[in-house]
């Protein structure tokens, strides 16, 4: 969740012993607020994942199939379409929190 309120909610609804994993990039100045005692008393884990542990040759065909079946609603997350020459601008928008997901059109 690039949205701090969404990440806080995800953590709050994580079950005892559960793990919340975030891959979104919130605005660099945003702070996360959680009840620290829940990390220990409820044995929860909060973990960041930047690009994850993806294996493109396995994961991309799977994600494409899920998208084609309507089970992966990527379109709802898309905020920008850009050409390869604007890739740096895309990263700037992600870092500033202005963009959520970008698609590069070749």
PDB file of N, CA and C in Angstrom:
ATOM      1  N   UNK A   1       0.850  -1.180   0.000  1.00  0.00           N
ATOM      2  CA  UNK A   1       0.000   0.000   0.000  1.00  0.00           C
ATOM      3  C   UNK A   1       0.883   1.227   0.000  1.00  0.00           C
ATOM      4  N   UNK A   2       0.784   2.021  -1.039  1.00  0.00           N
ATOM      5  CA  UNK A   2       1.494   3.283  -1.049  1.00  0.00           C
ATOM      6  C   UNK A   2       0.813   4.293  -0.147  1.00  0.00           C
ATOM      7  N   UNK A   3      -0.383   3.955   0.282  1.00  0.00           N
ATOM      8  CA  UNK A   3      -1.164   4.810   1.168  1.00  0.00           C
ATOM      9  C   UNK A   3      -0.896   4.406   2.611  1.00  0.00           C
ATOM     10  N   UNK A   4      -0.415   5.346   3.420  1.00  0.00           N
ATOM     11  CA  UNK A   4      -0.133   5.045   4.824  1.00  0.00           C
ATOM     12  C   UNK A   4      -1.399   4.612   5.563  1.00  0.00           C
ATOM     13  N   UNK A   5      -2.549   5.287   5.394  1.00  0.00           N
ATOM     14  CA  UNK A   5      -3.763   4.809   6.074  1.00  0.00           C
ATOM     15  C   UNK A   5      -4.137   3.377   5.678  1.00  0.00           C
ATOM     16  N   UNK A   6      -3.933   3.008   4.417  1.00  0.00           N
ATOM     17  CA  UNK A   6      -4.229   1.642   3.983  1.00  0.00           C
ATOM     18  C   UNK A   6      -3.291   0.643   4.649  1.00  0.00           C
ATOM     19  N   UNK A   7      -2.014   0.990   4.779  1.00  0.00           N
ATOM     20  CA  UNK A   7      -1.056   0.108   5.442  1.00  0.00           C
ATOM     21  C   UNK A   7      -1.394  -0.036   6.920  1.00  0.00           C
ATOM     22  N   UNK A   8      -1.758   1.064   7.568  1.00  0.00           N
ATOM     23  CA  UNK A   8      -2.142   0.996   8.983  1.00  0.00           C
ATOM     24  C   UNK A   8      -3.364   0.105   9.165  1.00  0.00           C
ATOM     25  N   UNK A   9      -4.334   0.218   8.264  1.00  0.00           N
ATOM     26  CA  UNK A   9      -5.521  -0.636   8.333  1.00  0.00           C
ATOM     27  C   UNK A   9      -5.144  -2.095   8.107  1.00  0.00           C
ATOM     28  N   UNK A  10      -4.321  -2.357   7.105  1.00  0.00           N
ATOM     29  CA  UNK A  10      -3.896  -3.733   6.827  1.00  0.00           C
ATOM     30  C   UNK A  10      -3.227  -4.345   8.051  1.00  0.00           C
ATOM     31  N   UNK A  11      -2.386  -3.572   8.722  1.00  0.00           N
ATOM     32  CA  UNK A  11      -1.716  -4.078   9.919  1.00  0.00           C
ATOM     33  C   UNK A  11      -2.726  -4.339  11.036  1.00  0.00           C
ATOM     34  N   UNK A  12      -3.676  -3.405  11.241  1.00  0.00           N
ATOM     35  CA  UNK A  12      -4.667  -3.566  12.315  1.00  0.00           C
ATOM     36  C   UNK A  12      -5.530  -4.810  12.126  1.00  0.00           C
ATOM     37  N   UNK A  13      -5.828  -5.181  10.879  1.00  0.00           N
ATOM     38  CA  UNK A  13      -6.705  -6.332  10.655  1.00  0.00           C
ATOM     39  C   UNK A  13      -5.936  -7.636  10.458  1.00  0.00           C
ATOM     40  N   UNK A  14      -4.623  -7.575  10.558  1.00  0.00           N
ATOM     41  CA  UNK A  14      -3.815  -8.794  10.474  1.00  0.00           C
ATOM     42  C   UNK A  14      -4.027  -9.625  11.735  1.00  0.00           C
ATOM     43  N   UNK A  15      -4.268 -10.910  11.546  1.00  0.00           N
ATOM     44  CA  UNK A  15      -4.541 -11.812  12.670  1.00  0.00           C
ATOM     45  C   UNK A  15      -3.305 -12.003  13.543  1.00  0.00           C
ATOM     46  N   UNK A  16      -3.536 -12.429  14.757  1.00  0.00           N
ATOM     47  CA  UNK A  16      -2.451 -12.771  15.681  1.00  0.00           C
ATOM     48  C   UNK A  16      -1.517 -13.764  14.987  1.00  0.00           C
ATOM     49  N   UNK A  17      -0.236 -13.489  15.045  1.00  0.00           N
ATOM     50  CA  UNK A  17       0.751 -14.356  14.409  1.00  0.00           C
ATOM     51  C   UNK A  17       0.892 -14.127  12.912  1.00  0.00           C
ATOM     52  N   UNK A  18       0.098 -13.198  12.367  1.00  0.00           N
ATOM     53  CA  UNK A  18       0.102 -12.949  10.928  1.00  0.00           C
ATOM     54  C   UNK A  18       1.179 -11.973  10.490  1.00  0.00           C
ATOM     55  N   UNK A  19       1.330 -11.862   9.193  1.00  0.00           N
ATOM     56  CA  UNK A  19       2.322 -10.979   8.596  1.00  0.00           C
ATOM     57  C   UNK A  19       1.647 -10.014   7.633  1.00  0.00           C
ATOM     58  N   UNK A  20       1.959  -8.745   7.762  1.00  0.00           N
ATOM     59  CA  UNK A  20       1.524  -7.725   6.813  1.00  0.00           C
ATOM     60  C   UNK A  20       2.724  -7.394   5.940  1.00  0.00           C
ATOM     61  N   UNK A  21       2.559  -7.526   4.623  1.00  0.00           N
ATOM     62  CA  UNK A  21       3.636  -7.215   3.686  1.00  0.00           C
ATOM     63  C   UNK A  21       3.193  -6.029   2.842  1.00  0.00           C
ATOM     64  N   UNK A  22       4.040  -5.018   2.769  1.00  0.00           N
ATOM     65  CA  UNK A  22       3.733  -3.853   1.942  1.00  0.00           C
ATOM     66  C   UNK A  22       4.768  -3.708   0.841  1.00  0.00           C
ATOM     67  N   UNK A  23       4.287  -3.373  -0.345  1.00  0.00           N
ATOM     68  CA  UNK A  23       5.209  -3.144  -1.458  1.00  0.00           C
ATOM     69  C   UNK A  23       5.039  -1.745  -2.041  1.00  0.00           C
ATOM     70  N   UNK A  24       4.100  -0.991  -1.505  1.00  0.00           N
ATOM     71  CA  UNK A  24       3.857   0.363  -1.993  1.00  0.00           C
ATOM     72  C   UNK A  24       4.852   1.352  -1.418  1.00  0.00           C
ATOM     73  N   UNK A  25       5.055   2.426  -2.139  1.00  0.00           N
ATOM     74  CA  UNK A  25       5.974   3.471  -1.690  1.00  0.00           C
ATOM     75  C   UNK A  25       5.175   4.715  -1.328  1.00  0.00           C
ATOM     76  N   UNK A  26       4.993   4.972  -0.038  1.00  0.00           N
ATOM     77  CA  UNK A  26       4.296   6.198   0.353  1.00  0.00           C
ATOM     78  C   UNK A  26       5.208   7.412   0.168  1.00  0.00           C
ATOM     79  N   UNK A  27       4.632   8.587   0.308  1.00  0.00           N
ATOM     80  CA  UNK A  27       5.426   9.818   0.233  1.00  0.00           C
ATOM     81  C   UNK A  27       6.552   9.721   1.262  1.00  0.00           C
ATOM     82  N   UNK A  28       7.767  10.109   0.911  1.00  0.00           N
ATOM     83  CA  UNK A  28       8.918   9.960   1.804  1.00  0.00           C
ATOM     84  C   UNK A  28       8.769  10.612   3.177  1.00  0.00           C
ATOM     85  N   UNK A  29       7.935  11.637   3.294  1.00  0.00           N
ATOM     86  CA  UNK A  29       7.790  12.321   4.582  1.00  0.00           C
ATOM     87  C   UNK A  29       6.692  11.725   5.460  1.00  0.00           C
ATOM     88  N   UNK A  30       5.934  10.768   4.936  1.00  0.00           N
ATOM     89  CA  UNK A  30       4.841  10.177   5.705  1.00  0.00           C
ATOM     90  C   UNK A  30       5.392   9.235   6.775  1.00  0.00           C
ATOM     91  N   UNK A  31       4.761   9.234   7.946  1.00  0.00           N
ATOM     92  CA  UNK A  31       5.153   8.371   9.060  1.00  0.00           C
ATOM     93  C   UNK A  31       4.069   7.329   9.291  1.00  0.00           C
ATOM     94  N   UNK A  32       4.466   6.135   9.683  1.00  0.00           N
ATOM     95  CA  UNK A  32       3.554   5.040   9.977  1.00  0.00           C
ATOM     96  C   UNK A  32       3.304   4.995  11.473  1.00  0.00           C
ATOM     97  N   UNK A  33       2.042   4.850  11.873  1.00  0.00           N
ATOM     98  CA  UNK A  33       1.695   4.787  13.289  1.00  0.00           C
ATOM     99  C   UNK A  33       1.008   3.455  13.584  1.00  0.00           C
ATOM    100  N   UNK A  34       1.658   2.629  14.398  1.00  0.00           N
ATOM    101  CA  UNK A  34       1.066   1.353  14.820  1.00  0.00           C
ATOM    102  C   UNK A  34       1.251   1.212  16.327  1.00  0.00           C
ATOM    103  N   UNK A  35       0.438   0.358  16.931  1.00  0.00           N
ATOM    104  CA  UNK A  35       0.610   0.075  18.354  1.00  0.00           C
ATOM    105  C   UNK A  35       1.799  -0.878  18.504  1.00  0.00           C
ATOM    106  N   UNK A  36       2.875  -0.389  19.073  1.00  0.00           N
ATOM    107  CA  UNK A  36       4.107  -1.176  19.175  1.00  0.00           C
ATOM    108  C   UNK A  36       3.909  -2.464  19.962  1.00  0.00           C
ATOM    109  N   UNK A  37       3.046  -2.437  20.969  1.00  0.00           N
ATOM    110  CA  UNK A  37       2.838  -3.625  21.796  1.00  0.00           C
ATOM    111  C   UNK A  37       2.290  -4.791  20.971  1.00  0.00           C
ATOM    112  N   UNK A  38       1.555  -4.498  19.891  1.00  0.00           N
ATOM    113  CA  UNK A  38       0.967  -5.577  19.089  1.00  0.00           C
ATOM    114  C   UNK A  38       2.028  -6.412  18.373  1.00  0.00           C
ATOM    115  N   UNK A  39       3.196  -5.839  18.116  1.00  0.00           N
ATOM    116  CA  UNK A  39       4.270  -6.614  17.492  1.00  0.00           C
ATOM    117  C   UNK A  39       4.660  -7.802  18.356  1.00  0.00           C
ATOM    118  N   UNK A  40       4.724  -7.587  19.662  1.00  0.00           N
ATOM    119  CA  UNK A  40       5.137  -8.647  20.586  1.00  0.00           C
ATOM    120  C   UNK A  40       3.936  -9.412  21.123  1.00  0.00           C
ATOM    121  N   UNK A  41       2.974  -8.692  21.705  1.00  0.00           N
ATOM    122  CA  UNK A  41       1.849  -9.341  22.372  1.00  0.00           C
ATOM    123  C   UNK A  41       0.990 -10.157  21.409  1.00  0.00           C
ATOM    124  N   UNK A  42       0.873  -9.709  20.171  1.00  0.00           N
ATOM    125  CA  UNK A  42       0.060 -10.438  19.193  1.00  0.00           C
ATOM    126  C   UNK A  42       0.913 -11.159  18.151  1.00  0.00           C
ATOM    127  N   UNK A  43       2.218 -11.149  18.361  1.00  0.00           N
ATOM    128  CA  UNK A  43       3.172 -11.874  17.521  1.00  0.00           C
ATOM    129  C   UNK A  43       2.995 -11.566  16.037  1.00  0.00           C
ATOM    130  N   UNK A  44       2.761 -10.296  15.733  1.00  0.00           N
ATOM    131  CA  UNK A  44       2.586  -9.882  14.340  1.00  0.00           C
ATOM    132  C   UNK A  44       3.927  -9.516  13.716  1.00  0.00           C
ATOM    133  N   UNK A  45       3.950  -9.526  12.391  1.00  0.00           N
ATOM    134  CA  UNK A  45       5.133  -9.138  11.632  1.00  0.00           C
ATOM    135  C   UNK A  45       4.724  -8.088  10.606  1.00  0.00           C
ATOM    136  N   UNK A  46       5.533  -7.062  10.455  1.00  0.00           N
ATOM    137  CA  UNK A  46       5.341  -6.037   9.434  1.00  0.00           C
ATOM    138  C   UNK A  46       6.583  -6.058   8.555  1.00  0.00           C
ATOM    139  N   UNK A  47       6.386  -6.278   7.266  1.00  0.00           N
ATOM    140  CA  UNK A  47       7.521  -6.495   6.372  1.00  0.00           C
ATOM    141  C   UNK A  47       7.366  -5.661   5.104  1.00  0.00           C
ATOM    142  N   UNK A  48       8.462  -5.083   4.658  1.00  0.00           N
ATOM    143  CA  UNK A  48       8.480  -4.365   3.391  1.00  0.00           C
ATOM    144  C   UNK A  48       9.043  -5.248   2.295  1.00  0.00           C
ATOM    145  N   UNK A  49       8.550  -5.047   1.080  1.00  0.00           N
ATOM    146  CA  UNK A  49       9.020  -5.831  -0.054  1.00  0.00           C
ATOM    147  C   UNK A  49       9.153  -4.908  -1.258  1.00  0.00           C
ATOM    148  N   UNK A  50      10.370  -4.615  -1.655  1.00  0.00           N
ATOM    149  CA  UNK A  50      10.596  -3.751  -2.807  1.00  0.00           C
ATOM    150  C   UNK A  50      10.834  -4.634  -4.023  1.00  0.00           C
ATOM    151  N   UNK A  51       9.879  -4.698  -4.896  1.00  0.00           N
ATOM    152  CA  UNK A  51       9.868  -5.523  -6.094  1.00  0.00           C
ATOM    153  C   UNK A  51       9.746  -7.009  -5.739  1.00  0.00           C
ATOM    154  N   UNK A  52       9.819  -7.349  -4.484  1.00  0.00           N
ATOM    155  CA  UNK A  52       9.552  -8.713  -4.043  1.00  0.00           C
ATOM    156  C   UNK A  52      10.605  -9.703  -4.477  1.00  0.00           C
ATOM    157  N   UNK A  53      10.255 -10.947  -4.358  1.00  0.00           N
ATOM    158  CA  UNK A  53      11.147 -12.033  -4.743  1.00  0.00           C
ATOM    159  C   UNK A  53      10.620 -12.649  -6.034  1.00  0.00           C
ATOM    160  N   UNK A  54      10.389 -11.816  -7.005  1.00  0.00           N
ATOM    161  CA  UNK A  54       9.781 -12.246  -8.259  1.00  0.00           C
ATOM    162  C   UNK A  54      10.744 -13.074  -9.097  1.00  0.00           C
ATOM    163  N   UNK A  55      10.187 -14.100  -9.737  1.00  0.00           N
ATOM    164  CA  UNK A  55      10.899 -14.873 -10.750  1.00  0.00           C
ATOM    165  C   UNK A  55      10.123 -14.631 -12.044  1.00  0.00           C
ATOM    166  N   UNK A  56      10.540 -13.639 -12.825  1.00  0.00           N
ATOM    167  CA  UNK A  56       9.745 -13.215 -13.979  1.00  0.00           C
ATOM    168  C   UNK A  56       9.307 -14.334 -14.919  1.00  0.00           C
ATOM    169  N   UNK A  57      10.162 -15.297 -15.190  1.00  0.00           N
ATOM    170  CA  UNK A  57       9.800 -16.368 -16.133  1.00  0.00           C
ATOM    171  C   UNK A  57       8.652 -17.229 -15.615  1.00  0.00           C
ATOM    172  N   UNK A  58       8.468 -17.260 -14.308  1.00  0.00           N
ATOM    173  CA  UNK A  58       7.364 -18.018 -13.701  1.00  0.00           C
ATOM    174  C   UNK A  58       6.200 -17.094 -13.375  1.00  0.00           C
ATOM    175  N   UNK A  59       6.501 -15.963 -12.749  1.00  0.00           N
ATOM    176  CA  UNK A  59       5.453 -15.092 -12.227  1.00  0.00           C
ATOM    177  C   UNK A  59       4.695 -14.319 -13.303  1.00  0.00           C
ATOM    178  N   UNK A  60       5.381 -13.792 -14.310  1.00  0.00           N
ATOM    179  CA  UNK A  60       4.702 -12.969 -15.309  1.00  0.00           C
ATOM    180  C   UNK A  60       3.629 -13.734 -16.084  1.00  0.00           C
ATOM    181  N   UNK A  61       3.894 -14.962 -16.565  1.00  0.00           N
ATOM    182  CA  UNK A  61       2.810 -15.699 -17.228  1.00  0.00           C
ATOM    183  C   UNK A  61       1.624 -15.971 -16.287  1.00  0.00           C
ATOM    184  N   UNK A  62       1.912 -16.234 -15.038  1.00  0.00           N
ATOM    185  CA  UNK A  62       0.845 -16.473 -14.059  1.00  0.00           C
ATOM    186  C   UNK A  62       0.017 -15.212 -13.848  1.00  0.00           C
ATOM    187  N   UNK A  63       0.684 -14.073 -13.680  1.00  0.00           N
ATOM    188  CA  UNK A  63      -0.035 -12.812 -13.479  1.00  0.00           C
ATOM    189  C   UNK A  63      -0.855 -12.447 -14.711  1.00  0.00           C
ATOM    190  N   UNK A  64      -0.301 -12.674 -15.892  1.00  0.00           N
ATOM    191  CA  UNK A  64      -1.030 -12.382 -17.119  1.00  0.00           C
ATOM    192  C   UNK A  64      -2.292 -13.239 -17.210  1.00  0.00           C
ATOM    193  N   UNK A  65      -2.179 -14.520 -16.874  1.00  0.00           N
ATOM    194  CA  UNK A  65      -3.353 -15.407 -16.897  1.00  0.00           C
ATOM    195  C   UNK A  65      -4.409 -14.938 -15.896  1.00  0.00           C
ATOM    196  N   UNK A  66      -3.996 -14.557 -14.697  1.00  0.00           N
ATOM    197  CA  UNK A  66      -4.945 -14.053 -13.696  1.00  0.00           C
ATOM    198  C   UNK A  66      -5.622 -12.779 -14.186  1.00  0.00           C
ATOM    199  N   UNK A  67      -4.855 -11.896 -14.821  1.00  0.00           N
ATOM    200  CA  UNK A  67      -5.413 -10.656 -15.364  1.00  0.00           C
ATOM    201  C   UNK A  67      -6.446 -10.967 -16.446  1.00  0.00           C
ATOM    202  N   UNK A  68      -6.098 -11.870 -17.361  1.00  0.00           N
ATOM    203  CA  UNK A  68      -7.007 -12.220 -18.454  1.00  0.00           C
ATOM    204  C   UNK A  68      -8.288 -12.873 -17.944  1.00  0.00           C
ATOM    205  N   UNK A  69      -8.226 -13.542 -16.794  1.00  0.00           N
ATOM    206  CA  UNK A  69      -9.406 -14.168 -16.189  1.00  0.00           C
ATOM    207  C   UNK A  69     -10.210 -13.182 -15.344  1.00  0.00           C
ATOM    208  N   UNK A  70      -9.735 -11.956 -15.243  1.00  0.00           N
ATOM    209  CA  UNK A  70     -10.426 -10.953 -14.437  1.00  0.00           C
ATOM    210  C   UNK A  70     -10.181 -11.100 -12.948  1.00  0.00           C
ATOM    211  N   UNK A  71      -9.178 -11.877 -12.563  1.00  0.00           N
ATOM    212  CA  UNK A  71      -8.887 -12.125 -11.148  1.00  0.00           C
ATOM    213  C   UNK A  71      -7.793 -11.215 -10.589  1.00  0.00           C
ATOM    214  N   UNK A  72      -7.191 -10.406 -11.438  1.00  0.00           N
ATOM    215  CA  UNK A  72      -6.138  -9.485 -11.016  1.00  0.00           C
ATOM    216  C   UNK A  72      -6.466  -8.111 -11.609  1.00  0.00           C
ATOM    217  N   UNK A  73      -7.204  -7.281 -10.865  1.00  0.00           N
ATOM    218  CA  UNK A  73      -7.729  -6.022 -11.415  1.00  0.00           C
ATOM    219  C   UNK A  73      -6.691  -4.901 -11.488  1.00  0.00           C
ATOM    220  N   UNK A  74      -5.681  -5.109 -12.288  1.00  0.00           N
ATOM    221  CA  UNK A  74      -4.588  -4.149 -12.418  1.00  0.00           C
ATOM    222  C   UNK A  74      -5.096  -2.785 -12.877  1.00  0.00           C
ATOM    223  N   UNK A  75      -6.110  -2.770 -13.742  1.00  0.00           N
ATOM    224  CA  UNK A  75      -6.622  -1.506 -14.283  1.00  0.00           C
ATOM    225  C   UNK A  75      -7.083  -0.551 -13.189  1.00  0.00           C
ATOM    226  N   UNK A  76      -7.557  -1.079 -12.079  1.00  0.00           N
ATOM    227  CA  UNK A  76      -8.026  -0.230 -10.981  1.00  0.00           C
ATOM    228  C   UNK A  76      -6.874   0.493 -10.284  1.00  0.00           C
ATOM    229  N   UNK A  77      -5.660  -0.019 -10.434  1.00  0.00           N
ATOM    230  CA  UNK A  77      -4.492   0.573  -9.779  1.00  0.00           C
ATOM    231  C   UNK A  77      -3.689   1.487 -10.704  1.00  0.00           C
ATOM    232  N   UNK A  78      -3.962   1.426 -11.996  1.00  0.00           N
ATOM    233  CA  UNK A  78      -3.183   2.165 -12.983  1.00  0.00           C
ATOM    234  C   UNK A  78      -3.430   3.666 -12.872  1.00  0.00           C
ATOM    235  N   UNK A  79      -2.363   4.429 -12.689  1.00  0.00           N
ATOM    236  CA  UNK A  79      -2.497   5.886 -12.619  1.00  0.00           C
ATOM    237  C   UNK A  79      -1.828   6.591 -13.795  1.00  0.00           C
ATOM    238  N   UNK A  80      -0.838   5.959 -14.421  1.00  0.00           N
ATOM    239  CA  UNK A  80      -0.112   6.619 -15.509  1.00  0.00           C
ATOM    240  C   UNK A  80       0.304   5.601 -16.570  1.00  0.00           C
ATOM    241  N   UNK A  81       0.273   6.029 -17.819  1.00  0.00           N
ATOM    242  CA  UNK A  81       0.850   5.291 -18.937  1.00  0.00           C
ATOM    243  C   UNK A  81       1.958   6.174 -19.491  1.00  0.00           C
ATOM    244  N   UNK A  82       3.122   5.592 -19.735  1.00  0.00           N
ATOM    245  CA  UNK A  82       4.245   6.404 -20.186  1.00  0.00           C
ATOM    246  C   UNK A  82       5.089   5.665 -21.200  1.00  0.00           C
ATOM    247  N   UNK A  83       5.899   6.422 -21.920  1.00  0.00           N
ATOM    248  CA  UNK A  83       6.850   5.825 -22.852  1.00  0.00           C
ATOM    249  C   UNK A  83       8.171   5.624 -22.115  1.00  0.00           C
ATOM    250  N   UNK A  84       9.012   4.792 -22.678  1.00  0.00           N
ATOM    251  CA  UNK A  84      10.275   4.450 -22.020  1.00  0.00           C
ATOM    252  C   UNK A  84      11.129   5.682 -21.719  1.00  0.00           C
ATOM    253  N   UNK A  85      11.078   6.683 -22.578  1.00  0.00           N
ATOM    254  CA  UNK A  85      11.866   7.905 -22.348  1.00  0.00           C
ATOM    255  C   UNK A  85      11.445   8.643 -21.077  1.00  0.00           C
ATOM    256  N   UNK A  86      10.235   8.384 -20.570  1.00  0.00           N
ATOM    257  CA  UNK A  86       9.731   9.059 -19.364  1.00  0.00           C
ATOM    258  C   UNK A  86       9.824   8.174 -18.117  1.00  0.00           C
ATOM    259  N   UNK A  87      10.626   7.105 -18.193  1.00  0.00           N
ATOM    260  CA  UNK A  87      10.695   6.177 -17.063  1.00  0.00           C
ATOM    261  C   UNK A  87      11.201   6.863 -15.791  1.00  0.00           C
ATOM    262  N   UNK A  88      12.140   7.791 -15.915  1.00  0.00           N
ATOM    263  CA  UNK A  88      12.633   8.498 -14.724  1.00  0.00           C
ATOM    264  C   UNK A  88      11.539   9.346 -14.096  1.00  0.00           C
ATOM    265  N   UNK A  89      10.722   9.987 -14.924  1.00  0.00           N
ATOM    266  CA  UNK A  89       9.578  10.736 -14.412  1.00  0.00           C
ATOM    267  C   UNK A  89       8.601   9.824 -13.692  1.00  0.00           C
ATOM    268  N   UNK A  90       8.440   8.609 -14.216  1.00  0.00           N
ATOM    269  CA  UNK A  90       7.575   7.631 -13.559  1.00  0.00           C
ATOM    270  C   UNK A  90       8.083   7.277 -12.172  1.00  0.00           C
ATOM    271  N   UNK A  91       9.381   7.052 -12.046  1.00  0.00           N
ATOM    272  CA  UNK A  91       9.949   6.756 -10.726  1.00  0.00           C
ATOM    273  C   UNK A  91       9.815   7.950  -9.784  1.00  0.00           C
ATOM    274  N   UNK A  92       9.965   9.154 -10.323  1.00  0.00           N
ATOM    275  CA  UNK A  92       9.777  10.353  -9.494  1.00  0.00           C
ATOM    276  C   UNK A  92       8.349  10.427  -8.961  1.00  0.00           C
ATOM    277  N   UNK A  93       7.357  10.129  -9.817  1.00  0.00           N
ATOM    278  CA  UNK A  93       5.955  10.146  -9.376  1.00  0.00           C
ATOM    279  C   UNK A  93       5.704   9.087  -8.308  1.00  0.00           C
ATOM    280  N   UNK A  94       6.289   7.909  -8.466  1.00  0.00           N
ATOM    281  CA  UNK A  94       6.142   6.865  -7.447  1.00  0.00           C
ATOM    282  C   UNK A  94       6.746   7.313  -6.122  1.00  0.00           C
ATOM    283  N   UNK A  95       7.947   7.861  -6.180  1.00  0.00           N
ATOM    284  CA  UNK A  95       8.637   8.283  -4.956  1.00  0.00           C
ATOM    285  C   UNK A  95       7.901   9.404  -4.236  1.00  0.00           C
ATOM    286  N   UNK A  96       7.243  10.278  -4.998  1.00  0.00           N
ATOM    287  CA  UNK A  96       6.536  11.403  -4.373  1.00  0.00           C
ATOM    288  C   UNK A  96       5.144  11.025  -3.897  1.00  0.00           C
ATOM    289  N   UNK A  97       4.693   9.818  -4.248  1.00  0.00           N
ATOM    290  CA  UNK A  97       3.348   9.399  -3.862  1.00  0.00           C
ATOM    291  C   UNK A  97       2.287   9.836  -4.852  1.00  0.00           C
ATOM    292  N   UNK A  98       2.682  10.495  -5.933  1.00  0.00           N
ATOM    293  CA  UNK A  98       1.732  10.971  -6.944  1.00  0.00           C
ATOM    294  C   UNK A  98       1.180   9.816  -7.775  1.00  0.00           C
ATOM    295  N   UNK A  99       1.986   8.800  -8.014  1.00  0.00           N
ATOM    296  CA  UNK A  99       1.566   7.670  -8.841  1.00  0.00           C
ATOM    297  C   UNK A  99       1.461   6.400  -8.028  1.00  0.00           C
ATOM    298  N   UNK A 100       0.595   5.502  -8.477  1.00  0.00           N
ATOM    299  CA  UNK A 100       0.458   4.201  -7.817  1.00  0.00           C
ATOM    300  C   UNK A 100       1.092   3.129  -8.695  1.00  0.00           C
ATOM    301  N   UNK A 101       0.580   2.995  -9.908  1.00  0.00           N
ATOM    302  CA  UNK A 101       1.115   2.023 -10.855  1.00  0.00           C
ATOM    303  C   UNK A 101       1.260   2.690 -12.210  1.00  0.00           C
ATOM    304  N   UNK A 102       2.351   2.373 -12.887  1.00  0.00           N
ATOM    305  CA  UNK A 102       2.628   2.908 -14.209  1.00  0.00           C
ATOM    306  C   UNK A 102       2.776   1.745 -15.188  1.00  0.00           C
ATOM    307  N   UNK A 103       2.374   1.971 -16.423  1.00  0.00           N
ATOM    308  CA  UNK A 103       2.601   1.011 -17.498  1.00  0.00           C
ATOM    309  C   UNK A 103       3.464   1.705 -18.536  1.00  0.00           C
ATOM    310  N   UNK A 104       4.530   1.031 -18.937  1.00  0.00           N
ATOM    311  CA  UNK A 104       5.413   1.564 -19.970  1.00  0.00           C
ATOM    312  C   UNK A 104       4.972   0.972 -21.303  1.00  0.00           C
ATOM    313  N   UNK A 105       4.643   1.847 -22.257  1.00  0.00           N
ATOM    314  CA  UNK A 105       4.203   1.431 -23.587  1.00  0.00           C
ATOM    315  C   UNK A 105       5.405   1.481 -24.515  1.00  0.00           C
ATOM    316  N   UNK A 106       5.678   0.385 -25.175  1.00  0.00           N
ATOM    317  CA  UNK A 106       6.843   0.302 -26.063  1.00  0.00           C
ATOM    318  C   UNK A 106       6.412   0.522 -27.496  1.00  0.00           C
TER     319      UNK A 106
END
